[in-house]
Amino acid sequence: MYILMLEIQKKKSSDITATILMIARIIDGKYRTYLVASIRWLVSIIPIFFNILMIIIIYFYSVTNEKIDKINKRIEKCNQKADEVLA
């Protein structure tokens, strides 16, 4: 990706490529350690946290037939409103 950006910069002499490289903090084609750590956090640790939070919420959320019917009615109303707007 770094090489591609450099090629674009050579051909177009664009400031956009330089800005992207500066934002990504890429120096001489090597990523800084905190950039790699940040990417690792974004793609692994944070999703794990939200999955655990989701499991806890689902565990304590009691679902009854009445709630399911109520949710289905709300969905039908929203769909009807959307159909009216689109029509």
PDB file of N, CA and C in Angstrom:
ATOM      1  N   MET A   1       0.827  -1.180   0.000  1.00  0.00           N
ATOM      2  CA  MET A   1       0.000   0.000   0.000  1.00  0.00           C
ATOM      3  C   MET A   1       0.879   1.254   0.000  1.00  0.00           C
ATOM      4  N   TYR A   2       1.946   1.205   0.759  1.00  0.00           N
ATOM      5  CA  TYR A   2       2.862   2.341   0.832  1.00  0.00           C
ATOM      6  C   TYR A   2       3.474   2.633  -0.533  1.00  0.00           C
ATOM      7  N   ILE A   3       3.878   1.574  -1.228  1.00  0.00           N
ATOM      8  CA  ILE A   3       4.494   1.742  -2.545  1.00  0.00           C
ATOM      9  C   ILE A   3       3.482   2.317  -3.531  1.00  0.00           C
ATOM     10  N   LEU A   4       2.238   1.835  -3.458  1.00  0.00           N
ATOM     11  CA  LEU A   4       1.186   2.352  -4.329  1.00  0.00           C
ATOM     12  C   LEU A   4       0.971   3.840  -4.088  1.00  0.00           C
ATOM     13  N   MET A   5       0.945   4.245  -2.829  1.00  0.00           N
ATOM     14  CA  MET A   5       0.758   5.662  -2.520  1.00  0.00           C
ATOM     15  C   MET A   5       1.913   6.505  -3.048  1.00  0.00           C
ATOM     16  N   LEU A   6       3.123   5.975  -2.937  1.00  0.00           N
ATOM     17  CA  LEU A   6       4.270   6.715  -3.460  1.00  0.00           C
ATOM     18  C   LEU A   6       4.197   6.851  -4.974  1.00  0.00           C
ATOM     19  N   GLU A   7       3.745   5.791  -5.656  1.00  0.00           N
ATOM     20  CA  GLU A   7       3.604   5.855  -7.114  1.00  0.00           C
ATOM     21  C   GLU A   7       2.553   6.887  -7.511  1.00  0.00           C
ATOM     22  N   ILE A   8       1.448   6.909  -6.779  1.00  0.00           N
ATOM     23  CA  ILE A   8       0.404   7.902  -7.066  1.00  0.00           C
ATOM     24  C   ILE A   8       0.957   9.304  -6.852  1.00  0.00           C
ATOM     25  N   GLN A   9       1.726   9.458  -5.785  1.00  0.00           N
ATOM     26  CA  GLN A   9       2.285  10.771  -5.498  1.00  0.00           C
ATOM     27  C   GLN A   9       3.260  11.205  -6.585  1.00  0.00           C
ATOM     28  N   LYS A  10       4.052  10.273  -7.098  1.00  0.00           N
ATOM     29  CA  LYS A  10       4.999  10.609  -8.164  1.00  0.00           C
ATOM     30  C   LYS A  10       4.268  11.029  -9.434  1.00  0.00           C
ATOM     31  N   LYS A  11       3.219  10.299  -9.773  1.00  0.00           N
ATOM     32  CA  LYS A  11       2.518  10.566 -11.026  1.00  0.00           C
ATOM     33  C   LYS A  11       1.616  11.792 -10.926  1.00  0.00           C
ATOM     34  N   LYS A  12       0.948  11.940  -9.833  1.00  0.00           N
ATOM     35  CA  LYS A  12      -0.023  13.021  -9.697  1.00  0.00           C
ATOM     36  C   LYS A  12       0.517  14.199  -8.894  1.00  0.00           C
ATOM     37  N   SER A  13       1.610  13.967  -8.172  1.00  0.00           N
ATOM     38  CA  SER A  13       2.176  14.963  -7.252  1.00  0.00           C
ATOM     39  C   SER A  13       1.071  15.566  -6.392  1.00  0.00           C
ATOM     40  N   SER A  14       0.313  14.678  -5.796  1.00  0.00           N
ATOM     41  CA  SER A  14      -0.860  15.073  -5.035  1.00  0.00           C
ATOM     42  C   SER A  14      -0.519  15.278  -3.567  1.00  0.00           C
ATOM     43  N   ASP A  15      -1.159  16.253  -2.981  1.00  0.00           N
ATOM     44  CA  ASP A  15      -1.002  16.480  -1.547  1.00  0.00           C
ATOM     45  C   ASP A  15      -1.822  15.480  -0.742  1.00  0.00           C
ATOM     46  N   ILE A  16      -2.800  14.862  -1.394  1.00  0.00           N
ATOM     47  CA  ILE A  16      -3.650  13.903  -0.692  1.00  0.00           C
ATOM     48  C   ILE A  16      -2.834  12.725  -0.205  1.00  0.00           C
ATOM     49  N   THR A  17      -1.960  12.216  -1.040  1.00  0.00           N
ATOM     50  CA  THR A  17      -1.139  11.070  -0.658  1.00  0.00           C
ATOM     51  C   THR A  17      -0.238  11.419   0.509  1.00  0.00           C
ATOM     52  N   ALA A  18       0.361  12.581   0.455  1.00  0.00           N
ATOM     53  CA  ALA A  18       1.229  13.006   1.550  1.00  0.00           C
ATOM     54  C   ALA A  18       0.436  13.148   2.840  1.00  0.00           C
ATOM     55  N   THR A  19      -0.787  13.643   2.732  1.00  0.00           N
ATOM     56  CA  THR A  19      -1.629  13.783   3.911  1.00  0.00           C
ATOM     57  C   THR A  19      -1.980  12.426   4.492  1.00  0.00           C
ATOM     58  N   ILE A  20      -2.330  11.476   3.634  1.00  0.00           N
ATOM     59  CA  ILE A  20      -2.659  10.131   4.106  1.00  0.00           C
ATOM     60  C   ILE A  20      -1.458   9.507   4.796  1.00  0.00           C
ATOM     61  N   LEU A  21      -0.287   9.652   4.200  1.00  0.00           N
ATOM     62  CA  LEU A  21       0.918   9.101   4.813  1.00  0.00           C
ATOM     63  C   LEU A  21       1.205   9.768   6.153  1.00  0.00           C
ATOM     64  N   MET A  22       0.960  11.066   6.228  1.00  0.00           N
ATOM     65  CA  MET A  22       1.209  11.775   7.470  1.00  0.00           C
ATOM     66  C   MET A  22       0.219  11.341   8.549  1.00  0.00           C
ATOM     67  N   ILE A  23      -1.047  11.163   8.165  1.00  0.00           N
ATOM     68  CA  ILE A  23      -2.054  10.721   9.126  1.00  0.00           C
ATOM     69  C   ILE A  23      -1.731   9.319   9.616  1.00  0.00           C
ATOM     70  N   ALA A  24      -1.352   8.444   8.718  1.00  0.00           N
ATOM     71  CA  ALA A  24      -1.034   7.067   9.093  1.00  0.00           C
ATOM     72  C   ALA A  24       0.308   6.962   9.804  1.00  0.00           C
ATOM     73  N   ARG A  25       1.083   8.030   9.783  1.00  0.00           N
ATOM     74  CA  ARG A  25       2.394   8.080  10.444  1.00  0.00           C
ATOM     75  C   ARG A  25       3.329   6.989   9.925  1.00  0.00           C
ATOM     76  N   ILE A  26       3.361   6.858   8.619  1.00  0.00           N
ATOM     77  CA  ILE A  26       4.244   5.878   7.997  1.00  0.00           C
ATOM     78  C   ILE A  26       5.555   6.577   7.666  1.00  0.00           C
ATOM     79  N   ILE A  27       6.637   6.016   8.121  1.00  0.00           N
ATOM     80  CA  ILE A  27       7.944   6.594   7.856  1.00  0.00           C
ATOM     81  C   ILE A  27       8.800   5.528   7.189  1.00  0.00           C
ATOM     82  N   ASP A  28       9.287   5.818   6.003  1.00  0.00           N
ATOM     83  CA  ASP A  28      10.152   4.905   5.258  1.00  0.00           C
ATOM     84  C   ASP A  28       9.538   3.524   5.087  1.00  0.00           C
ATOM     85  N   GLY A  29       8.233   3.451   4.926  1.00  0.00           N
ATOM     86  CA  GLY A  29       7.569   2.175   4.686  1.00  0.00           C
ATOM     87  C   GLY A  29       7.427   1.306   5.913  1.00  0.00           C
ATOM     88  N   LYS A  30       7.841   1.793   7.068  1.00  0.00           N
ATOM     89  CA  LYS A  30       7.729   1.000   8.296  1.00  0.00           C
ATOM     90  C   LYS A  30       6.675   1.636   9.187  1.00  0.00           C
ATOM     91  N   TYR A  31       5.809   0.802   9.723  1.00  0.00           N
ATOM     92  CA  TYR A  31       4.773   1.293  10.608  1.00  0.00           C
ATOM     93  C   TYR A  31       5.350   1.481  12.001  1.00  0.00           C
ATOM     94  N   ARG A  32       4.932   2.519  12.657  1.00  0.00           N
ATOM     95  CA  ARG A  32       5.341   2.708  14.041  1.00  0.00           C
ATOM     96  C   ARG A  32       4.616   1.698  14.915  1.00  0.00           C
ATOM     97  N   THR A  33       5.218   1.376  16.043  1.00  0.00           N
ATOM     98  CA  THR A  33       4.659   0.322  16.901  1.00  0.00           C
ATOM     99  C   THR A  33       3.286   0.690  17.426  1.00  0.00           C
ATOM    100  N   TYR A  34       3.068   1.956  17.773  1.00  0.00           N
ATOM    101  CA  TYR A  34       1.758   2.311  18.304  1.00  0.00           C
ATOM    102  C   TYR A  34       0.690   2.275  17.225  1.00  0.00           C
ATOM    103  N   LEU A  35       1.057   2.461  15.971  1.00  0.00           N
ATOM    104  CA  LEU A  35       0.084   2.330  14.892  1.00  0.00           C
ATOM    105  C   LEU A  35      -0.360   0.882  14.751  1.00  0.00           C
ATOM    106  N   VAL A  36       0.592  -0.025  14.808  1.00  0.00           N
ATOM    107  CA  VAL A  36       0.264  -1.451  14.731  1.00  0.00           C
ATOM    108  C   VAL A  36      -0.574  -1.857  15.937  1.00  0.00           C
ATOM    109  N   ALA A  37      -0.214  -1.364  17.114  1.00  0.00           N
ATOM    110  CA  ALA A  37      -0.985  -1.676  18.318  1.00  0.00           C
ATOM    111  C   ALA A  37      -2.400  -1.114  18.213  1.00  0.00           C
ATOM    112  N   SER A  38      -2.539   0.073  17.660  1.00  0.00           N
ATOM    113  CA  SER A  38      -3.869   0.674  17.496  1.00  0.00           C
ATOM    114  C   SER A  38      -4.731  -0.147  16.553  1.00  0.00           C
ATOM    115  N   ILE A  39      -4.152  -0.588  15.460  1.00  0.00           N
ATOM    116  CA  ILE A  39      -4.903  -1.418  14.512  1.00  0.00           C
ATOM    117  C   ILE A  39      -5.305  -2.726  15.173  1.00  0.00           C
ATOM    118  N   ARG A  40      -4.396  -3.304  15.942  1.00  0.00           N
ATOM    119  CA  ARG A  40      -4.699  -4.547  16.647  1.00  0.00           C
ATOM    120  C   ARG A  40      -5.868  -4.341  17.614  1.00  0.00           C
ATOM    121  N   TRP A  41      -5.873  -3.217  18.335  1.00  0.00           N
ATOM    122  CA  TRP A  41      -6.978  -2.915  19.247  1.00  0.00           C
ATOM    123  C   TRP A  41      -8.283  -2.766  18.469  1.00  0.00           C
ATOM    124  N   LEU A  42      -8.235  -2.075  17.342  1.00  0.00           N
ATOM    125  CA  LEU A  42      -9.456  -1.823  16.579  1.00  0.00           C
ATOM    126  C   LEU A  42     -10.059  -3.086  15.990  1.00  0.00           C
ATOM    127  N   VAL A  43      -9.229  -4.033  15.595  1.00  0.00           N
ATOM    128  CA  VAL A  43      -9.765  -5.216  14.926  1.00  0.00           C
ATOM    129  C   VAL A  43      -9.951  -6.416  15.840  1.00  0.00           C
ATOM    130  N   SER A  44      -9.450  -6.369  17.070  1.00  0.00           N
ATOM    131  CA  SER A  44      -9.591  -7.546  17.925  1.00  0.00           C
ATOM    132  C   SER A  44     -10.159  -7.228  19.301  1.00  0.00           C
ATOM    133  N   ILE A  45      -9.537  -6.356  20.050  1.00  0.00           N
ATOM    134  CA  ILE A  45      -9.914  -6.131  21.443  1.00  0.00           C
ATOM    135  C   ILE A  45     -11.267  -5.441  21.550  1.00  0.00           C
ATOM    136  N   ILE A  46     -11.477  -4.373  20.802  1.00  0.00           N
ATOM    137  CA  ILE A  46     -12.731  -3.623  20.894  1.00  0.00           C
ATOM    138  C   ILE A  46     -13.928  -4.473  20.469  1.00  0.00           C
ATOM    139  N   PRO A  47     -13.876  -5.222  19.359  1.00  0.00           N
ATOM    140  CA  PRO A  47     -15.012  -6.097  19.032  1.00  0.00           C
ATOM    141  C   PRO A  47     -15.279  -7.159  20.099  1.00  0.00           C
ATOM    142  N   ILE A  48     -14.232  -7.679  20.714  1.00  0.00           N
ATOM    143  CA  ILE A  48     -14.425  -8.656  21.794  1.00  0.00           C
ATOM    144  C   ILE A  48     -15.189  -8.010  22.936  1.00  0.00           C
ATOM    145  N   PHE A  49     -14.814  -6.784  23.303  1.00  0.00           N
ATOM    146  CA  PHE A  49     -15.504  -6.068  24.378  1.00  0.00           C
ATOM    147  C   PHE A  49     -16.986  -5.897  24.053  1.00  0.00           C
ATOM    148  N   PHE A  50     -17.296  -5.460  22.839  1.00  0.00           N
ATOM    149  CA  PHE A  50     -18.696  -5.247  22.473  1.00  0.00           C
ATOM    150  C   PHE A  50     -19.469  -6.564  22.376  1.00  0.00           C
ATOM    151  N   ASN A  51     -18.828  -7.638  21.971  1.00  0.00           N
ATOM    152  CA  ASN A  51     -19.502  -8.939  21.951  1.00  0.00           C
ATOM    153  C   ASN A  51     -19.841  -9.400  23.359  1.00  0.00           C
ATOM    154  N   ILE A  52     -18.930  -9.212  24.296  1.00  0.00           N
ATOM    155  CA  ILE A  52     -19.207  -9.577  25.692  1.00  0.00           C
ATOM    156  C   ILE A  52     -20.343  -8.724  26.237  1.00  0.00           C
ATOM    157  N   LEU A  53     -20.325  -7.429  25.944  1.00  0.00           N
ATOM    158  CA  LEU A  53     -21.401  -6.544  26.376  1.00  0.00           C
ATOM    159  C   LEU A  53     -22.736  -6.986  25.790  1.00  0.00           C
ATOM    160  N   MET A  54     -22.751  -7.373  24.517  1.00  0.00           N
ATOM    161  CA  MET A  54     -23.968  -7.845  23.865  1.00  0.00           C
ATOM    162  C   MET A  54     -24.494  -9.115  24.534  1.00  0.00           C
ATOM    163  N   ILE A  55     -23.595 -10.030  24.867  1.00  0.00           N
ATOM    164  CA  ILE A  55     -24.002 -11.272  25.525  1.00  0.00           C
ATOM    165  C   ILE A  55     -24.635 -10.980  26.875  1.00  0.00           C
ATOM    166  N   ILE A  56     -24.062 -10.044  27.629  1.00  0.00           N
ATOM    167  CA  ILE A  56     -24.617  -9.684  28.938  1.00  0.00           C
ATOM    168  C   ILE A  56     -26.002  -9.076  28.779  1.00  0.00           C
ATOM    169  N   ILE A  57     -26.163  -8.181  27.823  1.00  0.00           N
ATOM    170  CA  ILE A  57     -27.470  -7.547  27.600  1.00  0.00           C
ATOM    171  C   ILE A  57     -28.502  -8.582  27.191  1.00  0.00           C
ATOM    172  N   ILE A  58     -28.151  -9.476  26.286  1.00  0.00           N
ATOM    173  CA  ILE A  58     -29.089 -10.505  25.839  1.00  0.00           C
ATOM    174  C   ILE A  58     -29.449 -11.447  26.984  1.00  0.00           C
ATOM    175  N   TYR A  59     -28.492 -11.742  27.835  1.00  0.00           N
ATOM    176  CA  TYR A  59     -28.740 -12.660  28.951  1.00  0.00           C
ATOM    177  C   TYR A  59     -29.784 -12.090  29.912  1.00  0.00           C
ATOM    178  N   PHE A  60     -29.723 -10.784  30.180  1.00  0.00           N
ATOM    179  CA  PHE A  60     -30.639 -10.182  31.143  1.00  0.00           C
ATOM    180  C   PHE A  60     -31.924  -9.657  30.512  1.00  0.00           C
ATOM    181  N   TYR A  61     -32.051  -9.696  29.205  1.00  0.00           N
ATOM    182  CA  TYR A  61     -33.249  -9.212  28.531  1.00  0.00           C
ATOM    183  C   TYR A  61     -34.247 -10.357  28.435  1.00  0.00           C
ATOM    184  N   SER A  62     -35.352 -10.198  29.149  1.00  0.00           N
ATOM    185  CA  SER A  62     -36.356 -11.271  29.138  1.00  0.00           C
ATOM    186  C   SER A  62     -37.277 -11.088  27.928  1.00  0.00           C
ATOM    187  N   VAL A  63     -37.439 -12.157  27.181  1.00  0.00           N
ATOM    188  CA  VAL A  63     -38.265 -12.118  25.981  1.00  0.00           C
ATOM    189  C   VAL A  63     -39.499 -12.980  26.227  1.00  0.00           C
ATOM    190  N   THR A  64     -40.652 -12.347  26.082  1.00  0.00           N
ATOM    191  CA  THR A  64     -41.914 -13.074  26.196  1.00  0.00           C
ATOM    192  C   THR A  64     -42.636 -12.966  24.855  1.00  0.00           C
ATOM    193  N   ASN A  65     -43.683 -13.745  24.715  1.00  0.00           N
ATOM    194  CA  ASN A  65     -44.470 -13.686  23.476  1.00  0.00           C
ATOM    195  C   ASN A  65     -45.093 -12.310  23.285  1.00  0.00           C
ATOM    196  N   GLU A  66     -45.485 -11.672  24.389  1.00  0.00           N
ATOM    197  CA  GLU A  66     -46.076 -10.337  24.298  1.00  0.00           C
ATOM    198  C   GLU A  66     -45.062  -9.328  23.754  1.00  0.00           C
ATOM    199  N   LYS A  67     -43.825  -9.422  24.240  1.00  0.00           N
ATOM    200  CA  LYS A  67     -42.789  -8.505  23.754  1.00  0.00           C
ATOM    201  C   LYS A  67     -42.497  -8.746  22.277  1.00  0.00           C
ATOM    202  N   ILE A  68     -42.467  -9.997  21.883  1.00  0.00           N
ATOM    203  CA  ILE A  68     -42.211 -10.319  20.477  1.00  0.00           C
ATOM    204  C   ILE A  68     -43.321  -9.755  19.598  1.00  0.00           C
ATOM    205  N   ASP A  69     -44.576  -9.919  20.027  1.00  0.00           N
ATOM    206  CA  ASP A  69     -45.701  -9.370  19.267  1.00  0.00           C
ATOM    207  C   ASP A  69     -45.616  -7.847  19.180  1.00  0.00           C
ATOM    208  N   LYS A  70     -45.260  -7.219  20.299  1.00  0.00           N
ATOM    209  CA  LYS A  70     -45.142  -5.764  20.327  1.00  0.00           C
ATOM    210  C   LYS A  70     -44.040  -5.283  19.372  1.00  0.00           C
ATOM    211  N   ILE A  71     -42.916  -5.970  19.375  1.00  0.00           N
ATOM    212  CA  ILE A  71     -41.806  -5.617  18.485  1.00  0.00           C
ATOM    213  C   ILE A  71     -42.213  -5.813  17.030  1.00  0.00           C
ATOM    214  N   ASN A  72     -42.894  -6.914  16.729  1.00  0.00           N
ATOM    215  CA  ASN A  72     -43.342  -7.170  15.357  1.00  0.00           C
ATOM    216  C   ASN A  72     -44.324  -6.108  14.879  1.00  0.00           C
ATOM    217  N   LYS A  73     -45.228  -5.661  15.756  1.00  0.00           N
ATOM    218  CA  LYS A  73     -46.171  -4.603  15.385  1.00  0.00           C
ATOM    219  C   LYS A  73     -45.438  -3.300  15.082  1.00  0.00           C
ATOM    220  N   ARG A  74     -44.427  -2.990  15.905  1.00  0.00           N
ATOM    221  CA  ARG A  74     -43.639  -1.781  15.656  1.00  0.00           C
ATOM    222  C   ARG A  74     -42.933  -1.858  14.304  1.00  0.00           C
ATOM    223  N   ILE A  75     -42.379  -3.012  14.007  1.00  0.00           N
ATOM    224  CA  ILE A  75     -41.684  -3.194  12.730  1.00  0.00           C
ATOM    225  C   ILE A  75     -42.657  -3.032  11.569  1.00  0.00           C
ATOM    226  N   GLU A  76     -43.846  -3.607  11.699  1.00  0.00           N
ATOM    227  CA  GLU A  76     -44.852  -3.478  10.643  1.00  0.00           C
ATOM    228  C   GLU A  76     -45.254  -2.024  10.443  1.00  0.00           C
ATOM    229  N   LYS A  77     -45.426  -1.268  11.545  1.00  0.00           N
ATOM    230  CA  LYS A  77     -45.769   0.149  11.432  1.00  0.00           C
ATOM    231  C   LYS A  77     -44.667   0.920  10.717  1.00  0.00           C
ATOM    232  N   CYS A  78     -43.436   0.636  11.087  1.00  0.00           N
ATOM    233  CA  CYS A  78     -42.301   1.320  10.439  1.00  0.00           C
ATOM    234  C   CYS A  78     -42.243   0.984   8.953  1.00  0.00           C
ATOM    235  N   ASN A  79     -42.491  -0.264   8.616  1.00  0.00           N
ATOM    236  CA  ASN A  79     -42.485  -0.669   7.207  1.00  0.00           C
ATOM    237  C   ASN A  79     -43.608   0.011   6.433  1.00  0.00           C
ATOM    238  N   GLN A  80     -44.787   0.128   7.057  1.00  0.00           N
ATOM    239  CA  GLN A  80     -45.903   0.803   6.399  1.00  0.00           C
ATOM    240  C   GLN A  80     -45.584   2.275   6.163  1.00  0.00           C
ATOM    241  N   LYS A  81     -44.982   2.922   7.174  1.00  0.00           N
ATOM    242  CA  LYS A  81     -44.616   4.333   7.017  1.00  0.00           C
ATOM    243  C   LYS A  81     -43.582   4.499   5.910  1.00  0.00           C
ATOM    244  N   ALA A  82     -42.622   3.593   5.867  1.00  0.00           N
ATOM    245  CA  ALA A  82     -41.591   3.666   4.829  1.00  0.00           C
ATOM    246  C   ALA A  82     -42.206   3.462   3.450  1.00  0.00           C
ATOM    247  N   ASP A  83     -43.156   2.538   3.346  1.00  0.00           N
ATOM    248  CA  ASP A  83     -43.823   2.303   2.065  1.00  0.00           C
ATOM    249  C   ASP A  83     -44.625   3.524   1.633  1.00  0.00           C
ATOM    250  N   GLU A  84     -45.273   4.200   2.598  1.00  0.00           N
ATOM    251  CA  GLU A  84     -46.046   5.396   2.274  1.00  0.00           C
ATOM    252  C   GLU A  84     -45.136   6.519   1.783  1.00  0.00           C
ATOM    253  N   VAL A  85     -43.981   6.638   2.405  1.00  0.00           N
ATOM    254  CA  VAL A  85     -43.046   7.691   2.004  1.00  0.00           C
ATOM    255  C   VAL A  85     -42.505   7.415   0.608  1.00  0.00           C
ATOM    256  N   LEU A  86     -42.200   6.162   0.323  1.00  0.00           N
ATOM    257  CA  LEU A  86     -41.644   5.803  -0.980  1.00  0.00           C
ATOM    258  C   LEU A  86     -42.684   5.857  -2.093  1.00  0.00           C
ATOM    259  N   ALA A  87     -43.951   5.691  -1.745  1.00  0.00           N
ATOM    260  CA  ALA A  87     -45.000   5.665  -2.766  1.00  0.00           C
ATOM    261  C   ALA A  87     -45.352   7.042  -3.264  1.00  0.00           C
TER     262      ALA A  87
END
